[in-house]
PDB file of N, CA and C in Angstrom:
ATOM      1  N   MET A   1      48.714 -16.500  52.696  1.00  0.00           N
ATOM      2  CA  MET A   1      47.645 -15.591  52.346  1.00  0.00           C
ATOM      3  C   MET A   1      48.194 -14.161  52.364  1.00  0.00           C
ATOM      4  N   PRO A   2      47.915 -13.397  51.288  1.00  0.00           N
ATOM      5  CA  PRO A   2      48.417 -12.020  51.255  1.00  0.00           C
ATOM      6  C   PRO A   2      47.785 -11.165  52.347  1.00  0.00           C
ATOM      7  N   GLU A   3      48.512 -10.137  52.712  1.00  0.00           N
ATOM      8  CA  GLU A   3      48.023  -9.218  53.744  1.00  0.00           C
ATOM      9  C   GLU A   3      46.828  -8.429  53.207  1.00  0.00           C
ATOM     10  N   ALA A   4      45.846  -8.205  54.060  1.00  0.00           N
ATOM     11  CA  ALA A   4      44.646  -7.461  53.670  1.00  0.00           C
ATOM     12  C   ALA A   4      45.009  -6.011  53.374  1.00  0.00           C
ATOM     13  N   SER A   5      44.356  -5.468  52.377  1.00  0.00           N
ATOM     14  CA  SER A   5      44.579  -4.061  52.045  1.00  0.00           C
ATOM     15  C   SER A   5      43.988  -3.180  53.143  1.00  0.00           C
ATOM     16  N   PRO A   6      44.452  -1.926  53.234  1.00  0.00           N
ATOM     17  CA  PRO A   6      43.846  -1.021  54.227  1.00  0.00           C
ATOM     18  C   PRO A   6      42.365  -0.770  53.927  1.00  0.00           C
ATOM     19  N   PHE A   7      41.965  -0.929  52.669  1.00  0.00           N
ATOM     20  CA  PHE A   7      40.564  -0.736  52.307  1.00  0.00           C
ATOM     21  C   PHE A   7      39.703  -1.867  52.868  1.00  0.00           C
ATOM     22  N   LEU A   8      40.212  -3.108  52.794  1.00  0.00           N
ATOM     23  CA  LEU A   8      39.486  -4.246  53.366  1.00  0.00           C
ATOM     24  C   LEU A   8      39.422  -4.113  54.882  1.00  0.00           C
ATOM     25  N   THR A   9      40.523  -3.741  55.495  1.00  0.00           N
ATOM     26  CA  THR A   9      40.549  -3.571  56.952  1.00  0.00           C
ATOM     27  C   THR A   9      39.510  -2.534  57.388  1.00  0.00           C
ATOM     28  N   ALA A  10      39.431  -1.417  56.654  1.00  0.00           N
ATOM     29  CA  ALA A  10      38.449  -0.373  56.985  1.00  0.00           C
ATOM     30  C   ALA A  10      37.027  -0.879  56.790  1.00  0.00           C
ATOM     31  N   ALA A  11      36.787  -1.628  55.706  1.00  0.00           N
ATOM     32  CA  ALA A  11      35.437  -2.103  55.412  1.00  0.00           C
ATOM     33  C   ALA A  11      34.959  -3.135  56.428  1.00  0.00           C
ATOM     34  N   GLN A  12      35.896  -3.844  57.049  1.00  0.00           N
ATOM     35  CA  GLN A  12      35.509  -4.866  58.024  1.00  0.00           C
ATOM     36  C   GLN A  12      35.504  -4.333  59.460  1.00  0.00           C
ATOM     37  N   ALA A  13      35.933  -3.093  59.645  1.00  0.00           N
ATOM     38  CA  ALA A  13      35.956  -2.512  60.998  1.00  0.00           C
ATOM     39  C   ALA A  13      34.546  -2.119  61.425  1.00  0.00           C
ATOM     40  N   ASP A  14      34.327  -2.157  62.724  1.00  0.00           N
ATOM     41  CA  ASP A  14      33.039  -1.743  63.260  1.00  0.00           C
ATOM     42  C   ASP A  14      33.297  -0.713  64.356  1.00  0.00           C
ATOM     43  N   PRO A  15      32.963   0.531  64.175  1.00  0.00           N
ATOM     44  CA  PRO A  15      32.210   1.097  63.052  1.00  0.00           C
ATOM     45  C   PRO A  15      33.115   1.353  61.843  1.00  0.00           C
ATOM     46  N   TYR A  16      32.489   1.407  60.678  1.00  0.00           N
ATOM     47  CA  TYR A  16      33.207   1.678  59.432  1.00  0.00           C
ATOM     48  C   TYR A  16      33.663   3.124  59.406  1.00  0.00           C
ATOM     49  N   VAL A  17      34.924   3.331  59.114  1.00  0.00           N
ATOM     50  CA  VAL A  17      35.475   4.670  58.920  1.00  0.00           C
ATOM     51  C   VAL A  17      36.116   4.662  57.539  1.00  0.00           C
ATOM     52  N   ALA A  18      35.588   5.477  56.651  1.00  0.00           N
ATOM     53  CA  ALA A  18      36.070   5.489  55.268  1.00  0.00           C
ATOM     54  C   ALA A  18      37.540   5.872  55.206  1.00  0.00           C
ATOM     55  N   PRO A  19      38.313   5.167  54.382  1.00  0.00           N
ATOM     56  CA  PRO A  19      39.725   5.537  54.212  1.00  0.00           C
ATOM     57  C   PRO A  19      39.837   6.911  53.547  1.00  0.00           C
ATOM     58  N   GLN A  20      40.970   7.552  53.703  1.00  0.00           N
ATOM     59  CA  GLN A  20      41.193   8.876  53.120  1.00  0.00           C
ATOM     60  C   GLN A  20      41.472   8.805  51.618  1.00  0.00           C
ATOM     61  N   ALA A  21      41.834   7.640  51.123  1.00  0.00           N
ATOM     62  CA  ALA A  21      42.163   7.468  49.705  1.00  0.00           C
ATOM     63  C   ALA A  21      41.045   6.713  48.988  1.00  0.00           C
ATOM     64  N   THR A  22      41.035   6.812  47.678  1.00  0.00           N
ATOM     65  CA  THR A  22      40.085   6.062  46.859  1.00  0.00           C
ATOM     66  C   THR A  22      40.689   4.709  46.525  1.00  0.00           C
ATOM     67  N   PRO A  23      39.925   3.615  46.655  1.00  0.00           N
ATOM     68  CA  PRO A  23      40.468   2.300  46.311  1.00  0.00           C
ATOM     69  C   PRO A  23      40.842   2.239  44.833  1.00  0.00           C
ATOM     70  N   PRO A  24      41.854   1.459  44.492  1.00  0.00           N
ATOM     71  CA  PRO A  24      42.206   1.312  43.080  1.00  0.00           C
ATOM     72  C   PRO A  24      41.055   0.670  42.303  1.00  0.00           C
ATOM     73  N   GLY A  25      40.976   0.971  41.028  1.00  0.00           N
ATOM     74  CA  GLY A  25      39.883   0.475  40.195  1.00  0.00           C
ATOM     75  C   GLY A  25      39.873  -1.027  40.025  1.00  0.00           C
ATOM     76  N   ASN A  26      40.994  -1.697  40.280  1.00  0.00           N
ATOM     77  CA  ASN A  26      41.036  -3.147  40.107  1.00  0.00           C
ATOM     78  C   ASN A  26      40.832  -3.908  41.417  1.00  0.00           C
ATOM     79  N   LEU A  27      40.427  -3.190  42.474  1.00  0.00           N
ATOM     80  CA  LEU A  27      40.183  -3.831  43.768  1.00  0.00           C
ATOM     81  C   LEU A  27      38.690  -4.069  43.939  1.00  0.00           C
ATOM     82  N   PHE A  28      38.340  -5.318  44.182  1.00  0.00           N
ATOM     83  CA  PHE A  28      36.945  -5.720  44.357  1.00  0.00           C
ATOM     84  C   PHE A  28      36.799  -6.415  45.698  1.00  0.00           C
ATOM     85  N   PHE A  29      35.627  -6.255  46.300  1.00  0.00           N
ATOM     86  CA  PHE A  29      35.316  -6.934  47.552  1.00  0.00           C
ATOM     87  C   PHE A  29      34.279  -8.016  47.308  1.00  0.00           C
ATOM     88  N   VAL A  30      34.322  -9.025  48.153  1.00  0.00           N
ATOM     89  CA  VAL A  30      33.266 -10.031  48.187  1.00  0.00           C
ATOM     90  C   VAL A  30      32.266  -9.534  49.223  1.00  0.00           C
ATOM     91  N   TYR A  31      31.076  -9.194  48.750  1.00  0.00           N
ATOM     92  CA  TYR A  31      30.016  -8.684  49.633  1.00  0.00           C
ATOM     93  C   TYR A  31      29.056  -9.814  49.958  1.00  0.00           C
ATOM     94  N   GLN A  32      28.575  -9.827  51.205  1.00  0.00           N
ATOM     95  CA  GLN A  32      27.579 -10.811  51.623  1.00  0.00           C
ATOM     96  C   GLN A  32      26.280 -10.077  51.935  1.00  0.00           C
ATOM     97  N   ARG A  33      25.230 -10.489  51.212  1.00  0.00           N
ATOM     98  CA  ARG A  33      23.906  -9.895  51.439  1.00  0.00           C
ATOM     99  C   ARG A  33      23.328 -10.402  52.753  1.00  0.00           C
ATOM    100  N   LEU A  34      22.224  -9.817  53.161  1.00  0.00           N
ATOM    101  CA  LEU A  34      21.571 -10.214  54.414  1.00  0.00           C
ATOM    102  C   LEU A  34      21.082 -11.657  54.367  1.00  0.00           C
ATOM    103  N   ASP A  35      20.740 -12.158  53.154  1.00  0.00           N
ATOM    104  CA  ASP A  35      20.276 -13.545  53.032  1.00  0.00           C
ATOM    105  C   ASP A  35      21.422 -14.546  52.943  1.00  0.00           C
ATOM    106  N   GLY A  36      22.669 -14.056  53.010  1.00  0.00           N
ATOM    107  CA  GLY A  36      23.837 -14.931  52.986  1.00  0.00           C
ATOM    108  C   GLY A  36      24.463 -15.106  51.615  1.00  0.00           C
ATOM    109  N   ASP A  37      23.778 -14.688  50.558  1.00  0.00           N
ATOM    110  CA  ASP A  37      24.317 -14.779  49.205  1.00  0.00           C
ATOM    111  C   ASP A  37      25.493 -13.813  49.074  1.00  0.00           C
ATOM    112  N   THR A  38      26.481 -14.168  48.252  1.00  0.00           N
ATOM    113  CA  THR A  38      27.647 -13.307  48.074  1.00  0.00           C
ATOM    114  C   THR A  38      27.799 -12.907  46.612  1.00  0.00           C
ATOM    115  N   PHE A  39      28.481 -11.793  46.392  1.00  0.00           N
ATOM    116  CA  PHE A  39      28.779 -11.333  45.041  1.00  0.00           C
ATOM    117  C   PHE A  39      30.040 -10.481  45.076  1.00  0.00           C
ATOM    118  N   LEU A  40      30.638 -10.307  43.915  1.00  0.00           N
ATOM    119  CA  LEU A  40      31.848  -9.506  43.781  1.00  0.00           C
ATOM    120  C   LEU A  40      31.470  -8.128  43.277  1.00  0.00           C
ATOM    121  N   GLY A  41      31.921  -7.092  43.963  1.00  0.00           N
ATOM    122  CA  GLY A  41      31.610  -5.722  43.569  1.00  0.00           C
ATOM    123  C   GLY A  41      32.788  -4.806  43.841  1.00  0.00           C
ATOM    124  N   SER A  42      32.748  -3.646  43.254  1.00  0.00           N
ATOM    125  CA  SER A  42      33.831  -2.681  43.390  1.00  0.00           C
ATOM    126  C   SER A  42      34.058  -2.287  44.853  1.00  0.00           C
ATOM    127  N   ALA A  43      35.317  -2.176  45.222  1.00  0.00           N
ATOM    128  CA  ALA A  43      35.651  -1.732  46.575  1.00  0.00           C
ATOM    129  C   ALA A  43      35.234  -0.282  46.790  1.00  0.00           C
ATOM    130  N   ALA A  44      35.155   0.478  45.710  1.00  0.00           N
ATOM    131  CA  ALA A  44      34.759   1.876  45.818  1.00  0.00           C
ATOM    132  C   ALA A  44      33.304   2.029  46.259  1.00  0.00           C
ATOM    133  N   GLN A  45      32.518   0.970  46.155  1.00  0.00           N
ATOM    134  CA  GLN A  45      31.105   1.020  46.540  1.00  0.00           C
ATOM    135  C   GLN A  45      30.862   0.507  47.959  1.00  0.00           C
ATOM    136  N   ALA A  46      31.922   0.271  48.716  1.00  0.00           N
ATOM    137  CA  ALA A  46      31.799  -0.344  50.043  1.00  0.00           C
ATOM    138  C   ALA A  46      30.858   0.414  50.970  1.00  0.00           C
ATOM    139  N   GLU A  47      30.994   1.714  51.035  1.00  0.00           N
ATOM    140  CA  GLU A  47      30.175   2.473  51.979  1.00  0.00           C
ATOM    141  C   GLU A  47      28.686   2.281  51.712  1.00  0.00           C
ATOM    142  N   GLY A  48      28.286   2.314  50.456  1.00  0.00           N
ATOM    143  CA  GLY A  48      26.873   2.120  50.107  1.00  0.00           C
ATOM    144  C   GLY A  48      26.367   0.740  50.485  1.00  0.00           C
ATOM    145  N   TYR A  49      27.166  -0.285  50.194  1.00  0.00           N
ATOM    146  CA  TYR A  49      26.742  -1.648  50.533  1.00  0.00           C
ATOM    147  C   TYR A  49      26.701  -1.857  52.050  1.00  0.00           C
ATOM    148  N   LEU A  50      27.659  -1.286  52.758  1.00  0.00           N
ATOM    149  CA  LEU A  50      27.659  -1.425  54.219  1.00  0.00           C
ATOM    150  C   LEU A  50      26.444  -0.739  54.831  1.00  0.00           C
ATOM    151  N   ARG A  51      26.022   0.389  54.263  1.00  0.00           N
ATOM    152  CA  ARG A  51      24.820   1.070  54.765  1.00  0.00           C
ATOM    153  C   ARG A  51      23.570   0.230  54.555  1.00  0.00           C
ATOM    154  N   LEU A  52      23.594  -0.650  53.544  1.00  0.00           N
ATOM    155  CA  LEU A  52      22.463  -1.551  53.302  1.00  0.00           C
ATOM    156  C   LEU A  52      22.493  -2.773  54.222  1.00  0.00           C
ATOM    157  N   GLY A  53      23.540  -2.879  55.035  1.00  0.00           N
ATOM    158  CA  GLY A  53      23.647  -4.000  55.971  1.00  0.00           C
ATOM    159  C   GLY A  53      24.473  -5.159  55.449  1.00  0.00           C
ATOM    160  N   PHE A  54      25.073  -5.008  54.272  1.00  0.00           N
ATOM    161  CA  PHE A  54      25.915  -6.066  53.722  1.00  0.00           C
ATOM    162  C   PHE A  54      27.219  -6.126  54.504  1.00  0.00           C
ATOM    163  N   LYS A  55      27.901  -7.262  54.420  1.00  0.00           N
ATOM    164  CA  LYS A  55      29.207  -7.430  55.050  1.00  0.00           C
ATOM    165  C   LYS A  55      30.253  -7.634  53.961  1.00  0.00           C
ATOM    166  N   VAL A  56      31.485  -7.260  54.252  1.00  0.00           N
ATOM    167  CA  VAL A  56      32.601  -7.505  53.343  1.00  0.00           C
ATOM    168  C   VAL A  56      33.353  -8.702  53.897  1.00  0.00           C
ATOM    169  N   THR A  57      33.447  -9.774  53.087  1.00  0.00           N
ATOM    170  CA  THR A  57      34.065 -11.002  53.568  1.00  0.00           C
ATOM    171  C   THR A  57      35.425 -11.285  52.948  1.00  0.00           C
ATOM    172  N   GLY A  58      35.813 -10.533  51.912  1.00  0.00           N
ATOM    173  CA  GLY A  58      37.115 -10.763  51.283  1.00  0.00           C
ATOM    174  C   GLY A  58      37.365  -9.755  50.189  1.00  0.00           C
ATOM    175  N   GLU A  59      38.518  -9.896  49.550  1.00  0.00           N
ATOM    176  CA  GLU A  59      38.871  -8.987  48.466  1.00  0.00           C
ATOM    177  C   GLU A  59      39.560  -9.755  47.345  1.00  0.00           C
ATOM    178  N   GLU A  60      39.463  -9.213  46.159  1.00  0.00           N
ATOM    179  CA  GLU A  60      40.110  -9.769  44.972  1.00  0.00           C
ATOM    180  C   GLU A  60      40.668  -8.613  44.162  1.00  0.00           C
ATOM    181  N   THR A  61      41.823  -8.825  43.560  1.00  0.00           N
ATOM    182  CA  THR A  61      42.375  -7.863  42.611  1.00  0.00           C
ATOM    183  C   THR A  61      42.165  -8.451  41.230  1.00  0.00           C
ATOM    184  N   VAL A  62      41.464  -7.726  40.392  1.00  0.00           N
ATOM    185  CA  VAL A  62      41.118  -8.200  39.046  1.00  0.00           C
ATOM    186  C   VAL A  62      41.630  -7.161  38.054  1.00  0.00           C
ATOM    187  N   ASP A  63      42.550  -7.588  37.195  1.00  0.00           N
ATOM    188  CA  ASP A  63      43.238  -6.624  36.343  1.00  0.00           C
ATOM    189  C   ASP A  63      42.593  -6.332  34.997  1.00  0.00           C
ATOM    190  N   ASP A  64      41.686  -7.183  34.524  1.00  0.00           N
ATOM    191  CA  ASP A  64      41.064  -6.896  33.229  1.00  0.00           C
ATOM    192  C   ASP A  64      39.690  -7.551  33.137  1.00  0.00           C
ATOM    193  N   THR A  65      38.964  -7.204  32.094  1.00  0.00           N
ATOM    194  CA  THR A  65      37.601  -7.683  31.916  1.00  0.00           C
ATOM    195  C   THR A  65      37.539  -9.203  31.805  1.00  0.00           C
ATOM    196  N   ASP A  66      38.481  -9.798  31.072  1.00  0.00           N
ATOM    197  CA  ASP A  66      38.476 -11.250  30.915  1.00  0.00           C
ATOM    198  C   ASP A  66      38.690 -11.953  32.250  1.00  0.00           C
ATOM    199  N   SER A  67      39.584 -11.425  33.071  1.00  0.00           N
ATOM    200  CA  SER A  67      39.819 -12.011  34.397  1.00  0.00           C
ATOM    201  C   SER A  67      38.580 -11.875  35.271  1.00  0.00           C
ATOM    202  N   PHE A  68      37.906 -10.728  35.195  1.00  0.00           N
ATOM    203  CA  PHE A  68      36.685 -10.521  35.972  1.00  0.00           C
ATOM    204  C   PHE A  68      35.619 -11.527  35.543  1.00  0.00           C
ATOM    205  N   ARG A  69      35.417 -11.686  34.231  1.00  0.00           N
ATOM    206  CA  ARG A  69      34.414 -12.617  33.719  1.00  0.00           C
ATOM    207  C   ARG A  69      34.722 -14.053  34.147  1.00  0.00           C
ATOM    208  N   ALA A  70      35.986 -14.433  34.083  1.00  0.00           N
ATOM    209  CA  ALA A  70      36.365 -15.786  34.488  1.00  0.00           C
ATOM    210  C   ALA A  70      36.121 -16.008  35.980  1.00  0.00           C
ATOM    211  N   LEU A  71      36.291 -14.963  36.770  1.00  0.00           N
ATOM    212  CA  LEU A  71      36.110 -15.071  38.218  1.00  0.00           C
ATOM    213  C   LEU A  71      34.637 -15.135  38.613  1.00  0.00           C
ATOM    214  N   VAL A  72      33.808 -14.270  38.035  1.00  0.00           N
ATOM    215  CA  VAL A  72      32.409 -14.202  38.455  1.00  0.00           C
ATOM    216  C   VAL A  72      31.485 -15.103  37.656  1.00  0.00           C
ATOM    217  N   SER A  73      31.899 -15.524  36.467  1.00  0.00           N
ATOM    218  CA  SER A  73      31.049 -16.369  35.631  1.00  0.00           C
ATOM    219  C   SER A  73      31.890 -17.415  34.906  1.00  0.00           C
ATOM    220  N   PRO A  74      32.470 -18.357  35.660  1.00  0.00           N
ATOM    221  CA  PRO A  74      33.335 -19.350  35.025  1.00  0.00           C
ATOM    222  C   PRO A  74      32.574 -20.139  33.967  1.00  0.00           C
ATOM    223  N   GLY A  75      33.245 -20.380  32.858  1.00  0.00           N
ATOM    224  CA  GLY A  75      32.635 -21.143  31.780  1.00  0.00           C
ATOM    225  C   GLY A  75      31.893 -20.302  30.765  1.00  0.00           C
ATOM    226  N   SER A  76      31.781 -18.992  30.995  1.00  0.00           N
ATOM    227  CA  SER A  76      31.010 -18.174  30.071  1.00  0.00           C
ATOM    228  C   SER A  76      31.704 -17.994  28.725  1.00  0.00           C
ATOM    229  N   ASP A  77      32.989 -18.303  28.647  1.00  0.00           N
ATOM    230  CA  ASP A  77      33.701 -18.226  27.370  1.00  0.00           C
ATOM    231  C   ASP A  77      33.656 -19.544  26.614  1.00  0.00           C
ATOM    232  N   GLU A  78      33.072 -20.564  27.208  1.00  0.00           N
ATOM    233  CA  GLU A  78      32.993 -21.872  26.574  1.00  0.00           C
ATOM    234  C   GLU A  78      31.927 -21.868  25.481  1.00  0.00           C
ATOM    235  N   PRO A  79      32.082 -22.733  24.459  1.00  0.00           N
ATOM    236  CA  PRO A  79      31.044 -22.817  23.429  1.00  0.00           C
ATOM    237  C   PRO A  79      29.760 -23.392  24.019  1.00  0.00           C
ATOM    238  N   PRO A  80      28.622 -23.181  23.350  1.00  0.00           N
ATOM    239  CA  PRO A  80      27.364 -23.722  23.870  1.00  0.00           C
ATOM    240  C   PRO A  80      27.407 -25.249  23.941  1.00  0.00           C
ATOM    241  N   ALA A  81      26.568 -25.790  24.799  1.00  0.00           N
ATOM    242  CA  ALA A  81      26.493 -27.242  24.953  1.00  0.00           C
ATOM    243  C   ALA A  81      26.063 -27.880  23.637  1.00  0.00           C
ATOM    244  N   SER A  82      26.459 -29.113  23.439  1.00  0.00           N
ATOM    245  CA  SER A  82      26.101 -29.842  22.227  1.00  0.00           C
ATOM    246  C   SER A  82      24.589 -29.859  22.061  1.00  0.00           C
ATOM    247  N   GLY A  83      24.142 -29.584  20.836  1.00  0.00           N
ATOM    248  CA  GLY A  83      22.718 -29.596  20.552  1.00  0.00           C
ATOM    249  C   GLY A  83      22.056 -28.254  20.733  1.00  0.00           C
ATOM    250  N   VAL A  84      22.797 -27.258  21.243  1.00  0.00           N
ATOM    251  CA  VAL A  84      22.240 -25.927  21.419  1.00  0.00           C
ATOM    252  C   VAL A  84      22.560 -25.123  20.175  1.00  0.00           C
ATOM    253  N   GLU A  85      21.532 -24.602  19.553  1.00  0.00           N
ATOM    254  CA  GLU A  85      21.730 -23.849  18.329  1.00  0.00           C
ATOM    255  C   GLU A  85      21.975 -22.385  18.667  1.00  0.00           C
ATOM    256  N   HIS A  86      22.896 -21.786  17.963  1.00  0.00           N
ATOM    257  CA  HIS A  86      23.199 -20.366  18.154  1.00  0.00           C
ATOM    258  C   HIS A  86      22.905 -19.634  16.863  1.00  0.00           C
ATOM    259  N   SER A  87      22.153 -18.560  16.956  1.00  0.00           N
ATOM    260  CA  SER A  87      21.903 -17.748  15.777  1.00  0.00           C
ATOM    261  C   SER A  87      21.829 -16.292  16.195  1.00  0.00           C
ATOM    262  N   GLU A  88      22.117 -15.419  15.268  1.00  0.00           N
ATOM    263  CA  GLU A  88      22.029 -13.987  15.523  1.00  0.00           C
ATOM    264  C   GLU A  88      20.597 -13.542  15.282  1.00  0.00           C
ATOM    265  N   ALA A  89      20.140 -12.589  16.047  1.00  0.00           N
ATOM    266  CA  ALA A  89      18.799 -12.048  15.842  1.00  0.00           C
ATOM    267  C   ALA A  89      18.784 -11.301  14.513  1.00  0.00           C
ATOM    268  N   THR A  90      17.770 -11.544  13.716  1.00  0.00           N
ATOM    269  CA  THR A  90      17.704 -10.890  12.410  1.00  0.00           C
ATOM    270  C   THR A  90      16.721  -9.740  12.399  1.00  0.00           C
ATOM    271  N   ALA A  91      15.826  -9.696  13.354  1.00  0.00           N
ATOM    272  CA  ALA A  91      14.859  -8.608  13.397  1.00  0.00           C
ATOM    273  C   ALA A  91      14.275  -8.514  14.806  1.00  0.00           C
ATOM    274  N   THR A  92      13.757  -7.352  15.118  1.00  0.00           N
ATOM    275  CA  THR A  92      13.083  -7.149  16.388  1.00  0.00           C
ATOM    276  C   THR A  92      11.591  -7.126  16.114  1.00  0.00           C
ATOM    277  N   PRO A  93      10.814  -8.004  16.764  1.00  0.00           N
ATOM    278  CA  PRO A  93       9.379  -8.030  16.507  1.00  0.00           C
ATOM    279  C   PRO A  93       8.748  -6.655  16.728  1.00  0.00           C
ATOM    280  N   GLY A  94       7.862  -6.264  15.806  1.00  0.00           N
ATOM    281  CA  GLY A  94       7.151  -5.001  15.938  1.00  0.00           C
ATOM    282  C   GLY A  94       7.902  -3.796  15.414  1.00  0.00           C
ATOM    283  N   VAL A  95       9.122  -3.999  14.934  1.00  0.00           N
ATOM    284  CA  VAL A  95       9.906  -2.889  14.412  1.00  0.00           C
ATOM    285  C   VAL A  95       9.925  -2.978  12.894  1.00  0.00           C
ATOM    286  N   LYS A  96       9.547  -1.890  12.253  1.00  0.00           N
ATOM    287  CA  LYS A  96       9.509  -1.852  10.793  1.00  0.00           C
ATOM    288  C   LYS A  96      10.928  -1.840  10.250  1.00  0.00           C
ATOM    289  N   VAL A  97      11.185  -2.705   9.299  1.00  0.00           N
ATOM    290  CA  VAL A  97      12.501  -2.796   8.680  1.00  0.00           C
ATOM    291  C   VAL A  97      12.610  -1.701   7.639  1.00  0.00           C
ATOM    292  N   ASN A  98      13.673  -0.933   7.693  1.00  0.00           N
ATOM    293  CA  ASN A  98      13.925   0.113   6.692  1.00  0.00           C
ATOM    294  C   ASN A  98      14.609  -0.514   5.494  1.00  0.00           C
ATOM    295  N   THR A  99      13.871  -0.593   4.401  1.00  0.00           N
ATOM    296  CA  THR A  99      14.449  -1.144   3.182  1.00  0.00           C
ATOM    297  C   THR A  99      14.778   0.020   2.247  1.00  0.00           C
ATOM    298  N   PRO A 100      15.861  -0.100   1.501  1.00  0.00           N
ATOM    299  CA  PRO A 100      16.207   0.991   0.592  1.00  0.00           C
ATOM    300  C   PRO A 100      15.173   1.093  -0.531  1.00  0.00           C
ATOM    301  N   PRO A 101      14.915   2.294  -1.030  1.00  0.00           N
ATOM    302  CA  PRO A 101      13.938   2.461  -2.103  1.00  0.00           C
ATOM    303  C   PRO A 101      14.414   1.746  -3.369  1.00  0.00           C
ATOM    304  N   ALA A 102      13.443   1.266  -4.143  1.00  0.00           N
ATOM    305  CA  ALA A 102      13.758   0.575  -5.377  1.00  0.00           C
ATOM    306  C   ALA A 102      14.379   1.571  -6.361  1.00  0.00           C
ATOM    307  N   ALA A 103      15.332   1.103  -7.103  1.00  0.00           N
ATOM    308  CA  ALA A 103      16.017   1.997  -8.051  1.00  0.00           C
ATOM    309  C   ALA A 103      15.314   2.074  -9.374  1.00  0.00           C
TER     310      ALA A 103
END
């Protein structure tokens, strides 16, 4: 198991003392809500979540959007299940369509 970052160590300390540096943009923490549910969020938001009573239970380094999506929503790049129809929205109900004037 890799060594914990100084940001994770600070976030798990009691009392929390904010590090002097800003966490890198690709560092995410696993936050645990008061009801026990967990989610992945930016390490830069640790102080706010800790003030809400959340706990930091781990960390992940995520280098790009595709990696983040695969981590937090596995299978979201898969095609729809068989029998599920996919179509693009063609209009928004209640919105007048702008048609070009007749020539």
